[in-house]
Amino acid sequence: MAPPEGLLAPVESFAPPRAKYLHKNPRLETLIHDVAERFYLEPNDITEQNRSKSPTAARHVVMWVIRKTWSPQPSLPEIGVMLDRDHTTVISAVRRIDREISRGTDIGQIALKIGGLATVSEDT
């Protein structure tokens, strides 16, 4: 038996509106471009469903910068929608970059530099 008309939304309505964010948010496009350049990637390497090490680290930096430096601060689910990821992925990414910063690693320093929170020497 089919549910009454109007009670259930079509499945398409639950899909994240990723394109809306990527094409109408120049701030996000600029951030993705800057991070991609720093990691020697193409911007779409960061936004694709790619789980290899370099694009994943770059994507984590993007999530961390959005969460830590943007005002007003987007929620974790909003950041997830921006990058077509789940909010738990955003939580993990932010924690990972915080850990990288506390250890003083190159990725942590890159995140601080891109976020405008520190300076990094050019050889990093």
PDB file of N, CA and C in Angstrom:
ATOM      1  N   MET A   1       0.843  -1.175   0.000  1.00  0.00           N
ATOM      2  CA  MET A   1       0.000   0.000   0.000  1.00  0.00           C
ATOM      3  C   MET A   1       0.889   1.238   0.000  1.00  0.00           C
ATOM      4  N   ALA A   2       0.621   2.163  -0.860  1.00  0.00           N
ATOM      5  CA  ALA A   2       1.409   3.392  -0.981  1.00  0.00           C
ATOM      6  C   ALA A   2       1.028   4.376   0.119  1.00  0.00           C
ATOM      7  N   PRO A   3       2.006   5.163   0.609  1.00  0.00           N
ATOM      8  CA  PRO A   3       1.688   6.159   1.632  1.00  0.00           C
ATOM      9  C   PRO A   3       0.799   7.249   1.043  1.00  0.00           C
ATOM     10  N   PRO A   4       0.022   7.909   1.894  1.00  0.00           N
ATOM     11  CA  PRO A   4      -0.831   8.998   1.407  1.00  0.00           C
ATOM     12  C   PRO A   4       0.004  10.080   0.727  1.00  0.00           C
ATOM     13  N   GLU A   5      -0.551  10.678  -0.276  1.00  0.00           N
ATOM     14  CA  GLU A   5       0.111  11.726  -1.065  1.00  0.00           C
ATOM     15  C   GLU A   5       0.608  12.850  -0.152  1.00  0.00           C
ATOM     16  N   GLY A   6       1.853  13.276  -0.337  1.00  0.00           N
ATOM     17  CA  GLY A   6       2.379  14.427   0.386  1.00  0.00           C
ATOM     18  C   GLY A   6       3.043  14.113   1.709  1.00  0.00           C
ATOM     19  N   LEU A   7       2.914  12.883   2.205  1.00  0.00           N
ATOM     20  CA  LEU A   7       3.530  12.555   3.493  1.00  0.00           C
ATOM     21  C   LEU A   7       5.021  12.293   3.379  1.00  0.00           C
ATOM     22  N   LEU A   8       5.436  11.703   2.294  1.00  0.00           N
ATOM     23  CA  LEU A   8       6.853  11.388   2.116  1.00  0.00           C
ATOM     24  C   LEU A   8       7.438  12.259   1.016  1.00  0.00           C
ATOM     25  N   ALA A   9       8.590  12.822   1.309  1.00  0.00           N
ATOM     26  CA  ALA A   9       9.284  13.634   0.310  1.00  0.00           C
ATOM     27  C   ALA A   9      10.025  12.710  -0.641  1.00  0.00           C
ATOM     28  N   PRO A  10      10.148  13.119  -1.900  1.00  0.00           N
ATOM     29  CA  PRO A  10      10.935  12.286  -2.826  1.00  0.00           C
ATOM     30  C   PRO A  10      12.376  12.182  -2.358  1.00  0.00           C
ATOM     31  N   VAL A  11      13.007  11.051  -2.667  1.00  0.00           N
ATOM     32  CA  VAL A  11      14.385  10.794  -2.244  1.00  0.00           C
ATOM     33  C   VAL A  11      15.315  11.912  -2.695  1.00  0.00           C
ATOM     34  N   GLU A  12      15.100  12.470  -3.894  1.00  0.00           N
ATOM     35  CA  GLU A  12      15.977  13.524  -4.405  1.00  0.00           C
ATOM     36  C   GLU A  12      16.030  14.733  -3.479  1.00  0.00           C
ATOM     37  N   SER A  13      14.962  14.989  -2.721  1.00  0.00           N
ATOM     38  CA  SER A  13      14.945  16.174  -1.865  1.00  0.00           C
ATOM     39  C   SER A  13      15.910  16.048  -0.691  1.00  0.00           C
ATOM     40  N   PHE A  14      16.373  14.829  -0.405  1.00  0.00           N
ATOM     41  CA  PHE A  14      17.296  14.637   0.704  1.00  0.00           C
ATOM     42  C   PHE A  14      18.760  14.684   0.263  1.00  0.00           C
ATOM     43  N   ALA A  15      18.996  14.733  -1.019  1.00  0.00           N
ATOM     44  CA  ALA A  15      20.367  14.809  -1.517  1.00  0.00           C
ATOM     45  C   ALA A  15      20.977  16.148  -1.129  1.00  0.00           C
ATOM     46  N   PRO A  16      22.234  16.161  -0.688  1.00  0.00           N
ATOM     47  CA  PRO A  16      22.851  17.422  -0.295  1.00  0.00           C
ATOM     48  C   PRO A  16      22.974  18.378  -1.475  1.00  0.00           C
ATOM     49  N   PRO A  17      22.628  19.634  -1.263  1.00  0.00           N
ATOM     50  CA  PRO A  17      22.701  20.624  -2.347  1.00  0.00           C
ATOM     51  C   PRO A  17      24.118  21.130  -2.547  1.00  0.00           C
ATOM     52  N   ARG A  18      25.054  20.213  -2.796  1.00  0.00           N
ATOM     53  CA  ARG A  18      26.467  20.545  -2.898  1.00  0.00           C
ATOM     54  C   ARG A  18      26.734  21.589  -3.971  1.00  0.00           C
ATOM     55  N   ALA A  19      26.136  21.424  -5.123  1.00  0.00           N
ATOM     56  CA  ALA A  19      26.389  22.360  -6.219  1.00  0.00           C
ATOM     57  C   ALA A  19      25.982  23.776  -5.822  1.00  0.00           C
ATOM     58  N   LYS A  20      24.949  23.889  -5.018  1.00  0.00           N
ATOM     59  CA  LYS A  20      24.493  25.206  -4.560  1.00  0.00           C
ATOM     60  C   LYS A  20      25.618  25.920  -3.818  1.00  0.00           C
ATOM     61  N   TYR A  21      26.318  25.203  -2.963  1.00  0.00           N
ATOM     62  CA  TYR A  21      27.390  25.825  -2.193  1.00  0.00           C
ATOM     63  C   TYR A  21      28.611  26.116  -3.048  1.00  0.00           C
ATOM     64  N   LEU A  22      28.975  25.170  -3.902  1.00  0.00           N
ATOM     65  CA  LEU A  22      30.201  25.339  -4.670  1.00  0.00           C
ATOM     66  C   LEU A  22      30.103  26.439  -5.713  1.00  0.00           C
ATOM     67  N   HIS A  23      28.932  26.639  -6.267  1.00  0.00           N
ATOM     68  CA  HIS A  23      28.813  27.623  -7.342  1.00  0.00           C
ATOM     69  C   HIS A  23      28.278  28.966  -6.875  1.00  0.00           C
ATOM     70  N   LYS A  24      27.731  29.042  -5.682  1.00  0.00           N
ATOM     71  CA  LYS A  24      27.176  30.305  -5.214  1.00  0.00           C
ATOM     72  C   LYS A  24      27.915  30.842  -3.998  1.00  0.00           C
ATOM     73  N   ASN A  25      29.001  30.214  -3.637  1.00  0.00           N
ATOM     74  CA  ASN A  25      29.759  30.671  -2.487  1.00  0.00           C
ATOM     75  C   ASN A  25      31.209  30.914  -2.923  1.00  0.00           C
ATOM     76  N   PRO A  26      31.486  32.141  -3.374  1.00  0.00           N
ATOM     77  CA  PRO A  26      32.852  32.412  -3.836  1.00  0.00           C
ATOM     78  C   PRO A  26      33.890  32.239  -2.729  1.00  0.00           C
ATOM     79  N   ARG A  27      33.495  32.427  -1.498  1.00  0.00           N
ATOM     80  CA  ARG A  27      34.421  32.248  -0.382  1.00  0.00           C
ATOM     81  C   ARG A  27      34.870  30.785  -0.292  1.00  0.00           C
ATOM     82  N   LEU A  28      33.939  29.862  -0.467  1.00  0.00           N
ATOM     83  CA  LEU A  28      34.276  28.441  -0.437  1.00  0.00           C
ATOM     84  C   LEU A  28      35.130  28.070  -1.650  1.00  0.00           C
ATOM     85  N   GLU A  29      34.770  28.571  -2.819  1.00  0.00           N
ATOM     86  CA  GLU A  29      35.551  28.292  -4.024  1.00  0.00           C
ATOM     87  C   GLU A  29      36.990  28.784  -3.866  1.00  0.00           C
ATOM     88  N   THR A  30      37.155  29.974  -3.312  1.00  0.00           N
ATOM     89  CA  THR A  30      38.498  30.540  -3.110  1.00  0.00           C
ATOM     90  C   THR A  30      39.290  29.686  -2.127  1.00  0.00           C
ATOM     91  N   LEU A  31      38.653  29.284  -1.028  1.00  0.00           N
ATOM     92  CA  LEU A  31      39.330  28.453  -0.031  1.00  0.00           C
ATOM     93  C   LEU A  31      39.766  27.125  -0.647  1.00  0.00           C
ATOM     94  N   ILE A  32      38.876  26.473  -1.368  1.00  0.00           N
ATOM     95  CA  ILE A  32      39.215  25.195  -1.990  1.00  0.00           C
ATOM     96  C   ILE A  32      40.360  25.380  -2.982  1.00  0.00           C
ATOM     97  N   HIS A  33      40.319  26.453  -3.747  1.00  0.00           N
ATOM     98  CA  HIS A  33      41.398  26.735  -4.712  1.00  0.00           C
ATOM     99  C   HIS A  33      42.730  26.936  -3.988  1.00  0.00           C
ATOM    100  N   ASP A  34      42.724  27.724  -2.915  1.00  0.00           N
ATOM    101  CA  ASP A  34      43.963  27.990  -2.168  1.00  0.00           C
ATOM    102  C   ASP A  34      44.549  26.716  -1.557  1.00  0.00           C
ATOM    103  N   VAL A  35      43.678  25.892  -0.972  1.00  0.00           N
ATOM    104  CA  VAL A  35      44.156  24.645  -0.366  1.00  0.00           C
ATOM    105  C   VAL A  35      44.669  23.693  -1.447  1.00  0.00           C
ATOM    106  N   ALA A  36      43.935  23.591  -2.539  1.00  0.00           N
ATOM    107  CA  ALA A  36      44.360  22.707  -3.633  1.00  0.00           C
ATOM    108  C   ALA A  36      45.730  23.128  -4.157  1.00  0.00           C
ATOM    109  N   GLU A  37      45.931  24.416  -4.308  1.00  0.00           N
ATOM    110  CA  GLU A  37      47.215  24.918  -4.790  1.00  0.00           C
ATOM    111  C   GLU A  37      48.339  24.555  -3.823  1.00  0.00           C
ATOM    112  N   ARG A  38      48.082  24.680  -2.549  1.00  0.00           N
ATOM    113  CA  ARG A  38      49.102  24.387  -1.536  1.00  0.00           C
ATOM    114  C   ARG A  38      49.469  22.901  -1.504  1.00  0.00           C
ATOM    115  N   PHE A  39      48.475  22.040  -1.826  1.00  0.00           N
ATOM    116  CA  PHE A  39      48.702  20.594  -1.826  1.00  0.00           C
ATOM    117  C   PHE A  39      49.029  20.057  -3.226  1.00  0.00           C
ATOM    118  N   TYR A  40      49.214  20.956  -4.203  1.00  0.00           N
ATOM    119  CA  TYR A  40      49.501  20.580  -5.584  1.00  0.00           C
ATOM    120  C   TYR A  40      48.418  19.668  -6.161  1.00  0.00           C
ATOM    121  N   LEU A  41      47.164  20.047  -5.932  1.00  0.00           N
ATOM    122  CA  LEU A  41      46.000  19.312  -6.422  1.00  0.00           C
ATOM    123  C   LEU A  41      45.147  20.215  -7.292  1.00  0.00           C
ATOM    124  N   GLU A  42      44.199  19.630  -7.973  1.00  0.00           N
ATOM    125  CA  GLU A  42      43.159  20.391  -8.665  1.00  0.00           C
ATOM    126  C   GLU A  42      42.020  20.595  -7.672  1.00  0.00           C
ATOM    127  N   PRO A  43      41.308  21.725  -7.747  1.00  0.00           N
ATOM    128  CA  PRO A  43      40.205  21.950  -6.804  1.00  0.00           C
ATOM    129  C   PRO A  43      39.172  20.822  -6.770  1.00  0.00           C
ATOM    130  N   ASN A  44      38.858  20.232  -7.927  1.00  0.00           N
ATOM    131  CA  ASN A  44      37.856  19.162  -7.900  1.00  0.00           C
ATOM    132  C   ASN A  44      38.392  17.882  -7.253  1.00  0.00           C
ATOM    133  N   ASP A  45      39.713  17.740  -7.059  1.00  0.00           N
ATOM    134  CA  ASP A  45      40.252  16.608  -6.297  1.00  0.00           C
ATOM    135  C   ASP A  45      39.753  16.665  -4.850  1.00  0.00           C
ATOM    136  N   ILE A  46      39.582  17.871  -4.338  1.00  0.00           N
ATOM    137  CA  ILE A  46      39.129  18.055  -2.958  1.00  0.00           C
ATOM    138  C   ILE A  46      37.638  17.767  -2.829  1.00  0.00           C
ATOM    139  N   THR A  47      36.864  18.128  -3.839  1.00  0.00           N
ATOM    140  CA  THR A  47      35.408  17.992  -3.732  1.00  0.00           C
ATOM    141  C   THR A  47      34.888  16.639  -4.209  1.00  0.00           C
ATOM    142  N   GLU A  48      35.701  15.853  -4.901  1.00  0.00           N
ATOM    143  CA  GLU A  48      35.270  14.535  -5.365  1.00  0.00           C
ATOM    144  C   GLU A  48      35.238  13.536  -4.209  1.00  0.00           C
ATOM    145  N   GLN A  49      34.630  12.395  -4.471  1.00  0.00           N
ATOM    146  CA  GLN A  49      34.578  11.314  -3.487  1.00  0.00           C
ATOM    147  C   GLN A  49      35.863  10.491  -3.569  1.00  0.00           C
ATOM    148  N   ASN A  50      36.985  11.136  -3.315  1.00  0.00           N
ATOM    149  CA  ASN A  50      38.300  10.513  -3.406  1.00  0.00           C
ATOM    150  C   ASN A  50      38.832  10.324  -1.996  1.00  0.00           C
ATOM    151  N   ARG A  51      39.258   9.113  -1.666  1.00  0.00           N
ATOM    152  CA  ARG A  51      39.716   8.840  -0.315  1.00  0.00           C
ATOM    153  C   ARG A  51      41.219   8.634  -0.215  1.00  0.00           C
ATOM    154  N   SER A  52      41.961   8.997  -1.269  1.00  0.00           N
ATOM    155  CA  SER A  52      43.414   8.845  -1.180  1.00  0.00           C
ATOM    156  C   SER A  52      43.979   9.917  -0.248  1.00  0.00           C
ATOM    157  N   LYS A  53      45.193   9.717   0.183  1.00  0.00           N
ATOM    158  CA  LYS A  53      45.769  10.497   1.289  1.00  0.00           C
ATOM    159  C   LYS A  53      45.827  12.006   1.059  1.00  0.00           C
ATOM    160  N   SER A  54      46.393  12.448  -0.044  1.00  0.00           N
ATOM    161  CA  SER A  54      46.592  13.880  -0.257  1.00  0.00           C
ATOM    162  C   SER A  54      45.274  14.662  -0.386  1.00  0.00           C
ATOM    163  N   PRO A  55      44.317  14.203  -1.223  1.00  0.00           N
ATOM    164  CA  PRO A  55      43.046  14.937  -1.283  1.00  0.00           C
ATOM    165  C   PRO A  55      42.297  14.914   0.043  1.00  0.00           C
ATOM    166  N   THR A  56      42.416  13.827   0.780  1.00  0.00           N
ATOM    167  CA  THR A  56      41.739  13.741   2.072  1.00  0.00           C
ATOM    168  C   THR A  56      42.333  14.742   3.059  1.00  0.00           C
ATOM    169  N   ALA A  57      43.642  14.828   3.125  1.00  0.00           N
ATOM    170  CA  ALA A  57      44.286  15.799   4.024  1.00  0.00           C
ATOM    171  C   ALA A  57      43.903  17.219   3.629  1.00  0.00           C
ATOM    172  N   ALA A  58      43.883  17.502   2.336  1.00  0.00           N
ATOM    173  CA  ALA A  58      43.502  18.834   1.865  1.00  0.00           C
ATOM    174  C   ALA A  58      42.053  19.141   2.229  1.00  0.00           C
ATOM    175  N   ARG A  59      41.179  18.165   2.051  1.00  0.00           N
ATOM    176  CA  ARG A  59      39.765  18.340   2.400  1.00  0.00           C
ATOM    177  C   ARG A  59      39.614  18.596   3.908  1.00  0.00           C
ATOM    178  N   HIS A  60      40.393  17.908   4.712  1.00  0.00           N
ATOM    179  CA  HIS A  60      40.357  18.124   6.168  1.00  0.00           C
ATOM    180  C   HIS A  60      40.787  19.542   6.516  1.00  0.00           C
ATOM    181  N   VAL A  61      41.789  20.051   5.815  1.00  0.00           N
ATOM    182  CA  VAL A  61      42.229  21.432   6.039  1.00  0.00           C
ATOM    183  C   VAL A  61      41.086  22.400   5.696  1.00  0.00           C
ATOM    184  N   VAL A  62      40.409  22.155   4.587  1.00  0.00           N
ATOM    185  CA  VAL A  62      39.285  23.015   4.206  1.00  0.00           C
ATOM    186  C   VAL A  62      38.227  23.008   5.312  1.00  0.00           C
ATOM    187  N   MET A  63      37.867  21.825   5.796  1.00  0.00           N
ATOM    188  CA  MET A  63      36.855  21.721   6.855  1.00  0.00           C
ATOM    189  C   MET A  63      37.297  22.452   8.115  1.00  0.00           C
ATOM    190  N   TRP A  64      38.571  22.293   8.476  1.00  0.00           N
ATOM    191  CA  TRP A  64      39.094  22.932   9.686  1.00  0.00           C
ATOM    192  C   TRP A  64      39.050  24.452   9.554  1.00  0.00           C
ATOM    193  N   VAL A  65      39.486  24.971   8.412  1.00  0.00           N
ATOM    194  CA  VAL A  65      39.496  26.423   8.205  1.00  0.00           C
ATOM    195  C   VAL A  65      38.077  26.981   8.279  1.00  0.00           C
ATOM    196  N   ILE A  66      37.127  26.295   7.645  1.00  0.00           N
ATOM    197  CA  ILE A  66      35.734  26.759   7.702  1.00  0.00           C
ATOM    198  C   ILE A  66      35.253  26.784   9.152  1.00  0.00           C
ATOM    199  N   ARG A  67      35.490  25.706   9.866  1.00  0.00           N
ATOM    200  CA  ARG A  67      34.987  25.595  11.245  1.00  0.00           C
ATOM    201  C   ARG A  67      35.657  26.596  12.188  1.00  0.00           C
ATOM    202  N   LYS A  68      36.952  26.815  12.017  1.00  0.00           N
ATOM    203  CA  LYS A  68      37.689  27.630  12.987  1.00  0.00           C
ATOM    204  C   LYS A  68      37.743  29.113  12.653  1.00  0.00           C
ATOM    205  N   THR A  69      37.575  29.481  11.383  1.00  0.00           N
ATOM    206  CA  THR A  69      37.820  30.889  11.045  1.00  0.00           C
ATOM    207  C   THR A  69      36.624  31.620  10.451  1.00  0.00           C
ATOM    208  N   TRP A  70      35.642  30.909   9.923  1.00  0.00           N
ATOM    209  CA  TRP A  70      34.518  31.603   9.301  1.00  0.00           C
ATOM    210  C   TRP A  70      33.569  32.144  10.355  1.00  0.00           C
ATOM    211  N   SER A  71      33.050  33.326  10.087  1.00  0.00           N
ATOM    212  CA  SER A  71      32.065  33.937  10.983  1.00  0.00           C
ATOM    213  C   SER A  71      30.912  34.448  10.128  1.00  0.00           C
ATOM    214  N   PRO A  72      29.696  34.093  10.450  1.00  0.00           N
ATOM    215  CA  PRO A  72      29.290  33.200  11.533  1.00  0.00           C
ATOM    216  C   PRO A  72      29.740  31.770  11.260  1.00  0.00           C
ATOM    217  N   GLN A  73      30.001  31.066  12.352  1.00  0.00           N
ATOM    218  CA  GLN A  73      30.535  29.715  12.242  1.00  0.00           C
ATOM    219  C   GLN A  73      29.449  28.758  11.749  1.00  0.00           C
ATOM    220  N   PRO A  74      29.680  28.106  10.595  1.00  0.00           N
ATOM    221  CA  PRO A  74      28.696  27.131  10.124  1.00  0.00           C
ATOM    222  C   PRO A  74      28.645  25.914  11.052  1.00  0.00           C
ATOM    223  N   SER A  75      27.493  25.271  11.112  1.00  0.00           N
ATOM    224  CA  SER A  75      27.366  24.061  11.915  1.00  0.00           C
ATOM    225  C   SER A  75      28.122  22.922  11.230  1.00  0.00           C
ATOM    226  N   LEU A  76      28.369  21.862  11.972  1.00  0.00           N
ATOM    227  CA  LEU A  76      29.052  20.699  11.401  1.00  0.00           C
ATOM    228  C   LEU A  76      28.262  20.109  10.232  1.00  0.00           C
ATOM    229  N   PRO A  77      26.928  19.945  10.351  1.00  0.00           N
ATOM    230  CA  PRO A  77      26.182  19.446   9.193  1.00  0.00           C
ATOM    231  C   PRO A  77      26.243  20.394   7.987  1.00  0.00           C
ATOM    232  N   GLU A  78      26.265  21.701   8.222  1.00  0.00           N
ATOM    233  CA  GLU A  78      26.372  22.654   7.106  1.00  0.00           C
ATOM    234  C   GLU A  78      27.709  22.500   6.380  1.00  0.00           C
ATOM    235  N   ILE A  79      28.775  22.334   7.140  1.00  0.00           N
ATOM    236  CA  ILE A  79      30.090  22.129   6.519  1.00  0.00           C
ATOM    237  C   ILE A  79      30.089  20.817   5.745  1.00  0.00           C
ATOM    238  N   GLY A  80      29.481  19.795   6.319  1.00  0.00           N
ATOM    239  CA  GLY A  80      29.383  18.517   5.623  1.00  0.00           C
ATOM    240  C   GLY A  80      28.654  18.643   4.296  1.00  0.00           C
ATOM    241  N   VAL A  81      27.565  19.387   4.277  1.00  0.00           N
ATOM    242  CA  VAL A  81      26.807  19.582   3.040  1.00  0.00           C
ATOM    243  C   VAL A  81      27.645  20.350   2.022  1.00  0.00           C
ATOM    244  N   MET A  82      28.397  21.328   2.478  1.00  0.00           N
ATOM    245  CA  MET A  82      29.234  22.106   1.567  1.00  0.00           C
ATOM    246  C   MET A  82      30.195  21.222   0.779  1.00  0.00           C
ATOM    247  N   LEU A  83      30.698  20.178   1.432  1.00  0.00           N
ATOM    248  CA  LEU A  83      31.704  19.320   0.814  1.00  0.00           C
ATOM    249  C   LEU A  83      31.181  17.915   0.534  1.00  0.00           C
ATOM    250  N   ASP A  84      29.863  17.752   0.595  1.00  0.00           N
ATOM    251  CA  ASP A  84      29.213  16.475   0.295  1.00  0.00           C
ATOM    252  C   ASP A  84      29.734  15.365   1.198  1.00  0.00           C
ATOM    253  N   ARG A  85      29.836  15.668   2.489  1.00  0.00           N
ATOM    254  CA  ARG A  85      30.291  14.702   3.491  1.00  0.00           C
ATOM    255  C   ARG A  85      29.340  14.715   4.683  1.00  0.00           C
ATOM    256  N   ASP A  86      29.437  13.691   5.495  1.00  0.00           N
ATOM    257  CA  ASP A  86      28.643  13.585   6.713  1.00  0.00           C
ATOM    258  C   ASP A  86      29.253  14.465   7.800  1.00  0.00           C
ATOM    259  N   HIS A  87      28.418  14.930   8.738  1.00  0.00           N
ATOM    260  CA  HIS A  87      28.937  15.801   9.801  1.00  0.00           C
ATOM    261  C   HIS A  87      29.961  15.085  10.684  1.00  0.00           C
ATOM    262  N   THR A  88      29.860  13.759  10.797  1.00  0.00           N
ATOM    263  CA  THR A  88      30.851  13.043  11.611  1.00  0.00           C
ATOM    264  C   THR A  88      32.229  13.072  10.951  1.00  0.00           C
ATOM    265  N   THR A  89      32.251  13.130   9.632  1.00  0.00           N
ATOM    266  CA  THR A  89      33.523  13.288   8.912  1.00  0.00           C
ATOM    267  C   THR A  89      34.140  14.641   9.234  1.00  0.00           C
ATOM    268  N   VAL A  90      33.293  15.661   9.346  1.00  0.00           N
ATOM    269  CA  VAL A  90      33.773  17.003   9.686  1.00  0.00           C
ATOM    270  C   VAL A  90      34.355  17.004  11.099  1.00  0.00           C
ATOM    271  N   ILE A  91      33.682  16.357  12.031  1.00  0.00           N
ATOM    272  CA  ILE A  91      34.184  16.265  13.407  1.00  0.00           C
ATOM    273  C   ILE A  91      35.571  15.624  13.403  1.00  0.00           C
ATOM    274  N   SER A  92      35.697  14.503  12.708  1.00  0.00           N
ATOM    275  CA  SER A  92      36.971  13.792  12.633  1.00  0.00           C
ATOM    276  C   SER A  92      38.057  14.663  11.994  1.00  0.00           C
ATOM    277  N   ALA A  93      37.696  15.377  10.934  1.00  0.00           N
ATOM    278  CA  ALA A  93      38.670  16.233  10.234  1.00  0.00           C
ATOM    279  C   ALA A  93      39.168  17.353  11.140  1.00  0.00           C
ATOM    280  N   VAL A  94      38.257  18.010  11.835  1.00  0.00           N
ATOM    281  CA  VAL A  94      38.636  19.121  12.715  1.00  0.00           C
ATOM    282  C   VAL A  94      39.543  18.606  13.834  1.00  0.00           C
ATOM    283  N   ARG A  95      39.203  17.477  14.419  1.00  0.00           N
ATOM    284  CA  ARG A  95      40.038  16.903  15.481  1.00  0.00           C
ATOM    285  C   ARG A  95      41.421  16.527  14.949  1.00  0.00           C
ATOM    286  N   ARG A  96      41.440  15.967  13.740  1.00  0.00           N
ATOM    287  CA  ARG A  96      42.718  15.558  13.164  1.00  0.00           C
ATOM    288  C   ARG A  96      43.627  16.760  12.943  1.00  0.00           C
ATOM    289  N   ILE A  97      43.086  17.831  12.377  1.00  0.00           N
ATOM    290  CA  ILE A  97      43.917  19.011  12.107  1.00  0.00           C
ATOM    291  C   ILE A  97      44.333  19.667  13.419  1.00  0.00           C
ATOM    292  N   ASP A  98      43.461  19.698  14.420  1.00  0.00           N
ATOM    293  CA  ASP A  98      43.860  20.208  15.741  1.00  0.00           C
ATOM    294  C   ASP A  98      45.046  19.411  16.285  1.00  0.00           C
ATOM    295  N   ARG A  99      44.996  18.088  16.107  1.00  0.00           N
ATOM    296  CA  ARG A  99      46.096  17.229  16.560  1.00  0.00           C
ATOM    297  C   ARG A  99      47.376  17.518  15.767  1.00  0.00           C
ATOM    298  N   GLU A 100      47.245  17.707  14.464  1.00  0.00           N
ATOM    299  CA  GLU A 100      48.403  18.025  13.621  1.00  0.00           C
ATOM    300  C   GLU A 100      49.024  19.361  14.041  1.00  0.00           C
ATOM    301  N   ILE A 101      48.184  20.325  14.390  1.00  0.00           N
ATOM    302  CA  ILE A 101      48.685  21.630  14.841  1.00  0.00           C
ATOM    303  C   ILE A 101      49.444  21.482  16.154  1.00  0.00           C
ATOM    304  N   SER A 102      48.856  20.733  17.085  1.00  0.00           N
ATOM    305  CA  SER A 102      49.524  20.579  18.384  1.00  0.00           C
ATOM    306  C   SER A 102      50.849  19.833  18.261  1.00  0.00           C
ATOM    307  N   ARG A 103      50.983  18.975  17.264  1.00  0.00           N
ATOM    308  CA  ARG A 103      52.240  18.250  17.029  1.00  0.00           C
ATOM    309  C   ARG A 103      53.232  19.061  16.208  1.00  0.00           C
ATOM    310  N   GLY A 104      52.770  20.164  15.637  1.00  0.00           N
ATOM    311  CA  GLY A 104      53.647  21.018  14.844  1.00  0.00           C
ATOM    312  C   GLY A 104      53.990  20.459  13.478  1.00  0.00           C
ATOM    313  N   THR A 105      53.123  19.622  12.924  1.00  0.00           N
ATOM    314  CA  THR A 105      53.400  19.018  11.619  1.00  0.00           C
ATOM    315  C   THR A 105      53.186  20.025  10.490  1.00  0.00           C
ATOM    316  N   ASP A 106      53.664  19.657   9.315  1.00  0.00           N
ATOM    317  CA  ASP A 106      53.507  20.517   8.138  1.00  0.00           C
ATOM    318  C   ASP A 106      52.034  20.773   7.822  1.00  0.00           C
ATOM    319  N   ILE A 107      51.215  19.721   7.898  1.00  0.00           N
ATOM    320  CA  ILE A 107      49.788  19.900   7.602  1.00  0.00           C
ATOM    321  C   ILE A 107      49.153  20.865   8.589  1.00  0.00           C
ATOM    322  N   GLY A 108      49.502  20.758   9.852  1.00  0.00           N
ATOM    323  CA  GLY A 108      48.990  21.693  10.852  1.00  0.00           C
ATOM    324  C   GLY A 108      49.417  23.121  10.565  1.00  0.00           C
ATOM    325  N   GLN A 109      50.658  23.300  10.171  1.00  0.00           N
ATOM    326  CA  GLN A 109      51.156  24.636   9.851  1.00  0.00           C
ATOM    327  C   GLN A 109      50.484  25.203   8.600  1.00  0.00           C
ATOM    328  N   ILE A 110      50.237  24.340   7.623  1.00  0.00           N
ATOM    329  CA  ILE A 110      49.530  24.780   6.417  1.00  0.00           C
ATOM    330  C   ILE A 110      48.120  25.235   6.774  1.00  0.00           C
ATOM    331  N   ALA A 111      47.446  24.482   7.631  1.00  0.00           N
ATOM    332  CA  ALA A 111      46.091  24.863   8.049  1.00  0.00           C
ATOM    333  C   ALA A 111      46.098  26.229   8.734  1.00  0.00           C
ATOM    334  N   LEU A 112      47.056  26.446   9.618  1.00  0.00           N
ATOM    335  CA  LEU A 112      47.152  27.739  10.297  1.00  0.00           C
ATOM    336  C   LEU A 112      47.419  28.866   9.306  1.00  0.00           C
ATOM    337  N   LYS A 113      48.303  28.606   8.369  1.00  0.00           N
ATOM    338  CA  LYS A 113      48.647  29.624   7.363  1.00  0.00           C
ATOM    339  C   LYS A 113      47.429  29.970   6.504  1.00  0.00           C
ATOM    340  N   ILE A 114      46.761  28.966   5.987  1.00  0.00           N
ATOM    341  CA  ILE A 114      45.597  29.207   5.139  1.00  0.00           C
ATOM    342  C   ILE A 114      44.475  29.863   5.933  1.00  0.00           C
ATOM    343  N   GLY A 115      44.342  29.482   7.193  1.00  0.00           N
ATOM    344  CA  GLY A 115      43.321  30.082   8.052  1.00  0.00           C
ATOM    345  C   GLY A 115      43.686  31.485   8.512  1.00  0.00           C
ATOM    346  N   GLY A 116      44.912  31.920   8.205  1.00  0.00           N
ATOM    347  CA  GLY A 116      45.340  33.257   8.609  1.00  0.00           C
ATOM    348  C   GLY A 116      45.666  33.368  10.077  1.00  0.00           C
ATOM    349  N   LEU A 117      45.969  32.244  10.704  1.00  0.00           N
ATOM    350  CA  LEU A 117      46.214  32.236  12.146  1.00  0.00           C
ATOM    351  C   LEU A 117      47.689  32.145  12.512  1.00  0.00           C
ATOM    352  N   ALA A 118      48.570  31.966  11.506  1.00  0.00           N
ATOM    353  CA  ALA A 118      50.007  31.886  11.765  1.00  0.00           C
ATOM    354  C   ALA A 118      50.753  32.101  10.455  1.00  0.00           C
ATOM    355  N   THR A 119      52.032  32.277  10.564  1.00  0.00           N
ATOM    356  CA  THR A 119      52.855  32.363   9.352  1.00  0.00           C
ATOM    357  C   THR A 119      53.660  31.089   9.226  1.00  0.00           C
ATOM    358  N   VAL A 120      53.938  30.711   8.002  1.00  0.00           N
ATOM    359  CA  VAL A 120      54.709  29.502   7.721  1.00  0.00           C
ATOM    360  C   VAL A 120      55.822  29.904   6.775  1.00  0.00           C
ATOM    361  N   SER A 121      56.978  29.336   7.007  1.00  0.00           N
ATOM    362  CA  SER A 121      58.064  29.645   6.067  1.00  0.00           C
ATOM    363  C   SER A 121      57.718  29.060   4.706  1.00  0.00           C
ATOM    364  N   GLU A 122      58.244  29.664   3.648  1.00  0.00           N
ATOM    365  CA  GLU A 122      57.891  29.273   2.284  1.00  0.00           C
ATOM    366  C   GLU A 122      58.342  27.868   1.913  1.00  0.00           C
ATOM    367  N   ASP A 123      59.297  27.300   2.646  1.00  0.00           N
ATOM    368  CA  ASP A 123      59.765  25.967   2.284  1.00  0.00           C
ATOM    369  C   ASP A 123      58.899  24.856   2.862  1.00  0.00           C
ATOM    370  N   THR A 124      57.828  25.180   3.572  1.00  0.00           N
ATOM    371  CA  THR A 124      56.955  24.165   4.156  1.00  0.00           C
ATOM    372  C   THR A 124      55.914  23.737   3.164  1.00  0.00           C
TER     373      THR A 124
END
